Amino acid sequence: MARRFPKILLIVLLYCLALPLNSNIAQGKQLHDLAALCGNAGSSNAFQSASATTQVLVCPPVVETGRAVLFAIHARPNTQVRVVIQYPNGDTALKIDRTDAAGIVAISLIVRYNPPYRYVSVPFQVIVGRPNAAESDVVAGTITVGQLPTIGVSKLRIHQVGIQTWCPADPLACIVHNGSSIIIRVDTQPRDPVSVSLFYPDGSSVPCAINDLTGTTISGDDGVYRCTLPVTYQPKQARARVNILVLAQISIGGNTVSLQRKFWLVFS
């Protein structure tokens, strides 16, 4: 009996050491199965409950307004699951479903919130079982909601000070007199970094230092960046007019969008 005791102790010790490994392997397989539900989402964020019995993959982790976010969930089999998204404006998105016999369910929700800034963090909860019940399991996390891309809606406009109408799209029809000033306006999304410069034919340039409306280098809460620049140029040869370029660059979601307008600077 004395000889068997160390063997029994060794077996128990090996079994205990194997438990975390087996648990990690099981969780890894669950996450692998959930990742298959994400399909072509490209990326995901993983969350789990305090008890580690519920795993959630959110894909994609950054979702644009008007698009779907998928919650791939592994929990107790044949159990009710609620997904709740709480938007900063007080609105709530809720969807209820049940896990299958394998404890898997995929719940998709359309994001109906348009954030005032480029990105905003939005909290969610996945509740397994009846809400507030003793046996319920809760997973809490956040998703990142972004505004729709603004490449197609950003605009650059100019007009000479003292003239109330913006220059038409045709640069041949946009006339500015030498020695005057122009107003440059960029319409984009709120708080986008913007840089604006005016380029003369000899390669010299004059930048807009700041947004006149905010005193910063970003667009305002209404998405407007505006500045006033004097336009003075002395060509090397006598000319009736020269072509001037205005270039605006906007940082959108880590990418740079360039907009440009040309106008005729006349010397008469």
Protein backbone atom coordinates (compact mmCIF):
# COMPACT_ATOMS: atom_id res chain seq x y z
CA MET A 1 0.00 0.00 0.00
CA ALA A 2 2.87 2.34 0.82
CA ARG A 3 4.33 1.76 -2.67
CA ARG A 4 1.03 2.52 -4.43
CA PHE A 5 0.54 5.86 -2.68
CA PRO A 6 3.30 7.76 -4.58
CA LYS A 7 1.96 6.39 -7.88
CA ILE A 8 -1.57 7.55 -7.06
CA LEU A 9 -0.23 10.96 -6.01
CA LEU A 10 1.72 11.24 -9.28
CA ILE A 11 -1.37 10.37 -11.34
CA VAL A 12 -3.46 12.98 -9.53
CA LEU A 13 -0.72 15.59 -10.00
CA LEU A 14 -0.46 14.88 -13.75
CA TYR A 15 -4.25 15.07 -14.08
CA CYS A 16 -4.36 18.47 -12.37
CA LEU A 17 -1.58 19.81 -14.56
CA ALA A 18 -3.41 18.64 -17.67
CA LEU A 19 -6.64 20.46 -16.80
CA PRO A 20 -5.50 23.98 -17.85
CA LEU A 21 -3.95 22.55 -21.02
CA ASN A 22 -7.13 20.71 -21.96
CA SER A 23 -9.15 23.83 -21.15
CA ASN A 24 -6.91 25.97 -23.38
CA ILE A 25 -7.17 23.44 -26.20
CA ALA A 26 -10.97 23.41 -25.89
CA GLN A 27 -11.18 27.20 -25.89
CA GLY A 28 -8.83 27.34 -28.86
CA LYS A 29 -11.08 24.98 -30.81
CA GLN A 30 -14.14 27.02 -29.88
CA LEU A 31 -12.51 30.23 -31.12
CA HIS A 32 -11.47 28.44 -34.31
CA ASP A 33 -15.07 27.35 -34.89
CA LEU A 34 -16.32 30.87 -34.20
CA ALA A 35 -13.76 32.39 -36.58
CA ALA A 36 -15.27 30.32 -39.39
CA LEU A 37 -18.56 32.17 -38.83
CA CYS A 38 -16.82 35.50 -39.43
CA GLY A 39 -16.16 34.49 -43.03
CA ASN A 40 -14.55 37.31 -45.00
CA ALA A 41 -14.73 39.91 -42.23
CA GLY A 42 -10.92 39.94 -42.21
CA SER A 43 -10.39 40.56 -38.48
CA SER A 44 -12.11 40.08 -35.16
CA ASN A 45 -11.84 40.80 -31.44
CA ALA A 46 -12.27 38.01 -28.87
CA PHE A 47 -14.09 38.37 -25.56
CA GLN A 48 -15.17 35.95 -22.85
CA SER A 49 -17.22 35.92 -19.69
CA ALA A 50 -15.70 35.96 -16.21
CA SER A 51 -16.43 32.24 -15.91
CA ALA A 52 -14.79 31.62 -19.32
CA THR A 53 -17.79 29.47 -20.30
CA THR A 54 -18.92 31.93 -22.99
CA GLN A 55 -16.67 33.05 -25.85
CA VAL A 56 -17.55 35.81 -28.28
CA LEU A 57 -15.86 36.91 -31.50
CA VAL A 58 -16.87 40.33 -32.83
CA CYS A 59 -16.20 40.79 -36.52
CA PRO A 60 -15.21 43.15 -37.81
CA PRO A 61 -14.01 45.01 -34.70
CA VAL A 62 -14.32 48.34 -36.55
CA VAL A 63 -17.63 48.78 -38.36
CA GLU A 64 -18.91 51.70 -40.40
CA THR A 65 -22.29 53.29 -39.89
CA GLY A 66 -25.00 51.42 -41.78
CA ARG A 67 -23.04 48.16 -41.97
CA ALA A 68 -23.43 44.89 -40.08
CA VAL A 69 -21.41 43.67 -37.11
CA LEU A 70 -21.45 39.93 -36.37
CA PHE A 71 -21.30 38.38 -32.90
CA ALA A 72 -20.13 34.75 -33.16
CA ILE A 73 -20.94 33.14 -29.81
CA HIS A 74 -20.13 29.84 -28.10
CA ALA A 75 -22.09 29.23 -24.89
CA ARG A 76 -24.35 26.65 -23.25
CA PRO A 77 -26.28 24.55 -25.79
CA ASN A 78 -29.91 25.40 -26.54
CA THR A 79 -29.84 28.58 -24.47
CA GLN A 80 -31.28 32.00 -25.14
CA VAL A 81 -28.70 34.65 -26.06
CA ARG A 82 -29.27 38.42 -26.11
CA VAL A 83 -26.92 40.92 -27.78
CA VAL A 84 -27.35 44.53 -26.69
CA ILE A 85 -25.48 47.51 -28.17
CA GLN A 86 -25.78 50.77 -26.23
CA TYR A 87 -25.09 53.83 -28.40
CA PRO A 88 -23.79 57.11 -26.92
CA ASN A 89 -26.99 58.95 -27.88
CA GLY A 90 -29.06 56.64 -25.67
CA ASP A 91 -30.40 54.41 -28.46
CA THR A 92 -30.19 50.65 -28.01
CA ALA A 93 -29.93 47.81 -30.51
CA LEU A 94 -31.17 44.41 -29.32
CA LYS A 95 -31.37 40.99 -30.93
CA ILE A 96 -32.31 37.64 -29.34
CA ASP A 97 -31.51 34.14 -30.58
CA ARG A 98 -30.64 30.68 -29.23
CA THR A 99 -27.52 28.57 -29.35
CA ASP A 100 -27.75 25.27 -31.22
CA ALA A 101 -26.99 21.80 -29.83
CA ALA A 102 -23.25 22.57 -30.10
CA GLY A 103 -23.65 25.85 -28.22
CA ILE A 104 -23.02 28.01 -31.30
CA VAL A 105 -25.00 31.02 -32.56
CA ALA A 106 -24.21 33.93 -34.88
CA ILE A 107 -26.09 37.18 -34.30
CA SER A 108 -25.80 40.05 -36.76
CA LEU A 109 -26.85 43.66 -36.11
CA ILE A 110 -26.86 46.68 -38.42
CA VAL A 111 -25.13 49.69 -36.83
CA ARG A 112 -27.69 52.52 -36.84
CA TYR A 113 -25.56 55.15 -35.12
CA ASN A 114 -23.69 57.97 -36.88
CA PRO A 115 -20.88 59.20 -34.58
CA PRO A 116 -20.06 62.91 -34.47
CA TYR A 117 -16.34 62.13 -34.88
CA ARG A 118 -14.37 59.77 -37.07
CA TYR A 119 -14.45 56.85 -34.62
CA VAL A 120 -16.23 56.19 -31.34
CA SER A 121 -16.09 53.27 -28.91
CA VAL A 122 -19.52 51.71 -28.29
CA PRO A 123 -20.22 49.20 -25.47
CA PHE A 124 -22.09 45.93 -25.95
CA GLN A 125 -23.26 43.02 -23.79
CA VAL A 126 -23.88 39.39 -24.68
CA ILE A 127 -26.23 37.83 -22.11
CA VAL A 128 -26.57 34.05 -22.06
CA GLY A 129 -29.69 32.84 -20.26
CA ARG A 130 -32.38 34.97 -18.69
CA PRO A 131 -31.22 38.54 -17.88
CA ASN A 132 -30.42 39.08 -14.18
CA ALA A 133 -30.93 35.39 -13.43
CA ALA A 134 -28.40 33.63 -11.21
CA GLU A 135 -27.42 31.22 -13.99
CA SER A 136 -26.96 33.92 -16.64
CA ASP A 137 -23.52 34.49 -18.17
CA VAL A 138 -22.48 37.96 -19.37
CA VAL A 139 -19.79 39.05 -21.79
CA ALA A 140 -19.10 42.79 -21.95
CA GLY A 141 -16.94 44.57 -24.49
CA THR A 142 -16.79 47.38 -27.02
CA ILE A 143 -16.91 47.80 -30.77
CA THR A 144 -15.53 50.74 -32.72
CA VAL A 145 -18.05 52.55 -34.93
CA GLY A 146 -16.71 54.70 -37.74
CA GLN A 147 -18.37 57.15 -40.05
CA LEU A 148 -18.74 56.24 -43.69
CA PRO A 149 -15.73 57.04 -45.91
CA THR A 150 -15.78 60.67 -46.94
CA ILE A 151 -13.63 60.48 -50.08
CA GLY A 152 -16.67 60.87 -52.30
CA VAL A 153 -18.33 63.63 -50.30
CA SER A 154 -15.38 65.88 -49.42
CA LYS A 155 -15.39 69.15 -51.36
CA LEU A 156 -12.95 71.99 -52.02
CA ARG A 157 -14.36 75.39 -53.00
CA ILE A 158 -12.87 78.83 -53.57
CA HIS A 159 -14.01 82.37 -54.37
CA GLN A 160 -12.51 85.83 -54.37
CA VAL A 161 -13.23 87.99 -51.34
CA GLY A 162 -16.03 90.39 -52.21
CA ILE A 163 -17.67 87.93 -54.62
CA GLN A 164 -20.44 85.96 -52.97
CA THR A 165 -20.62 82.96 -55.31
CA TRP A 166 -18.21 80.04 -55.32
CA CYS A 167 -16.13 79.43 -58.42
CA PRO A 168 -17.71 76.97 -60.87
CA ALA A 169 -16.15 73.56 -61.45
CA ASP A 170 -14.67 74.73 -64.76
CA PRO A 171 -11.30 76.38 -63.87
CA LEU A 172 -11.49 78.50 -67.04
CA ALA A 173 -14.53 80.23 -65.58
CA CYS A 174 -12.92 81.00 -62.20
CA ILE A 175 -11.28 84.45 -62.24
CA VAL A 176 -9.35 86.05 -59.36
CA HIS A 177 -7.65 89.45 -59.58
CA ASN A 178 -4.00 89.82 -58.62
CA GLY A 179 -3.57 91.53 -55.26
CA SER A 180 -6.91 90.33 -53.92
CA SER A 181 -7.63 87.55 -51.42
CA ILE A 182 -9.49 84.27 -51.80
CA ILE A 183 -11.60 82.27 -49.39
CA ILE A 184 -10.86 78.54 -49.43
CA ARG A 185 -13.38 76.14 -47.96
CA VAL A 186 -13.02 72.38 -47.44
CA ASP A 187 -16.09 70.34 -46.51
CA THR A 188 -15.30 66.97 -44.94
CA GLN A 189 -16.20 65.10 -41.75
CA PRO A 190 -15.84 66.58 -38.24
CA ARG A 191 -12.32 66.87 -36.83
CA ASP A 192 -10.42 65.66 -39.89
CA PRO A 193 -6.83 66.96 -40.10
CA VAL A 194 -6.65 69.28 -43.13
CA SER A 195 -3.78 71.09 -44.84
CA VAL A 196 -4.31 73.62 -47.62
CA SER A 197 -1.76 75.38 -49.83
CA LEU A 198 -1.79 77.69 -52.84
CA PHE A 199 0.82 77.00 -55.56
CA TYR A 200 2.17 79.60 -58.02
CA PRO A 201 3.57 78.80 -61.49
CA ASP A 202 7.19 79.28 -60.32
CA GLY A 203 6.77 76.50 -57.72
CA SER A 204 6.45 78.74 -54.68
CA SER A 205 3.57 78.11 -52.33
CA VAL A 206 1.60 79.76 -49.54
CA PRO A 207 -0.03 77.52 -46.90
CA CYS A 208 -3.10 78.12 -44.81
CA ALA A 209 -1.72 78.17 -41.28
CA ILE A 210 -4.96 77.32 -39.45
CA ASN A 211 -8.69 76.88 -39.85
CA ASP A 212 -10.06 80.42 -39.40
CA LEU A 213 -13.20 79.00 -37.80
CA THR A 214 -11.52 76.93 -35.09
CA GLY A 215 -7.96 78.24 -34.76
CA THR A 216 -6.67 74.68 -35.30
CA THR A 217 -5.49 72.53 -38.21
CA ILE A 218 -8.59 70.31 -38.19
CA SER A 219 -12.10 70.71 -39.51
CA GLY A 220 -14.76 71.90 -37.08
CA ASP A 221 -17.60 69.95 -35.52
CA ASP A 222 -19.59 70.70 -38.69
CA GLY A 223 -16.80 69.33 -40.91
CA VAL A 224 -15.82 72.76 -42.31
CA TYR A 225 -12.26 74.03 -42.74
CA ARG A 226 -11.95 77.60 -44.05
CA CYS A 227 -9.13 80.04 -44.51
CA THR A 228 -8.37 83.29 -46.36
CA LEU A 229 -5.20 83.77 -48.38
CA PRO A 230 -3.85 86.84 -50.21
CA VAL A 231 -3.00 86.17 -53.87
CA THR A 232 -0.09 88.24 -55.15
CA TYR A 233 2.19 87.16 -57.96
CA GLN A 234 4.69 88.88 -60.25
CA PRO A 235 5.41 86.82 -63.37
CA LYS A 236 8.85 87.00 -64.94
CA GLN A 237 7.30 87.93 -68.27
CA ALA A 238 4.34 90.18 -68.88
CA ARG A 239 1.16 88.13 -69.02
CA ALA A 240 -2.52 88.77 -68.93
CA ARG A 241 -3.17 85.86 -66.60
CA VAL A 242 -1.61 82.74 -65.03
CA ASN A 243 -3.06 79.49 -63.71
CA ILE A 244 -2.97 79.00 -59.91
CA LEU A 245 -3.46 75.71 -58.07
CA VAL A 246 -5.12 75.22 -54.66
CA LEU A 247 -4.39 71.85 -53.06
CA ALA A 248 -6.14 70.44 -49.99
CA GLN A 249 -5.07 67.24 -48.25
CA ILE A 250 -7.38 65.52 -45.77
CA SER A 251 -6.42 62.69 -43.42
CA ILE A 252 -9.28 60.16 -43.44
CA GLY A 253 -8.95 56.98 -41.38
CA GLY A 254 -5.17 56.81 -41.81
CA ASN A 255 -5.32 57.64 -45.53
CA THR A 256 -4.69 60.96 -47.26
CA VAL A 257 -7.24 62.30 -49.70
CA SER A 258 -6.12 65.10 -52.05
CA LEU A 259 -8.48 67.64 -53.60
CA GLN A 260 -7.46 70.38 -56.00
CA ARG A 261 -8.93 73.38 -57.77
CA LYS A 262 -7.43 75.75 -60.33
CA PHE A 263 -8.29 79.33 -61.14
CA TRP A 264 -7.08 82.12 -63.42
CA LEU A 265 -5.17 84.95 -61.76
CA VAL A 266 -5.59 88.03 -63.96
CA PHE A 267 -3.37 91.13 -63.91
CA SER A 268 -5.60 93.72 -65.53
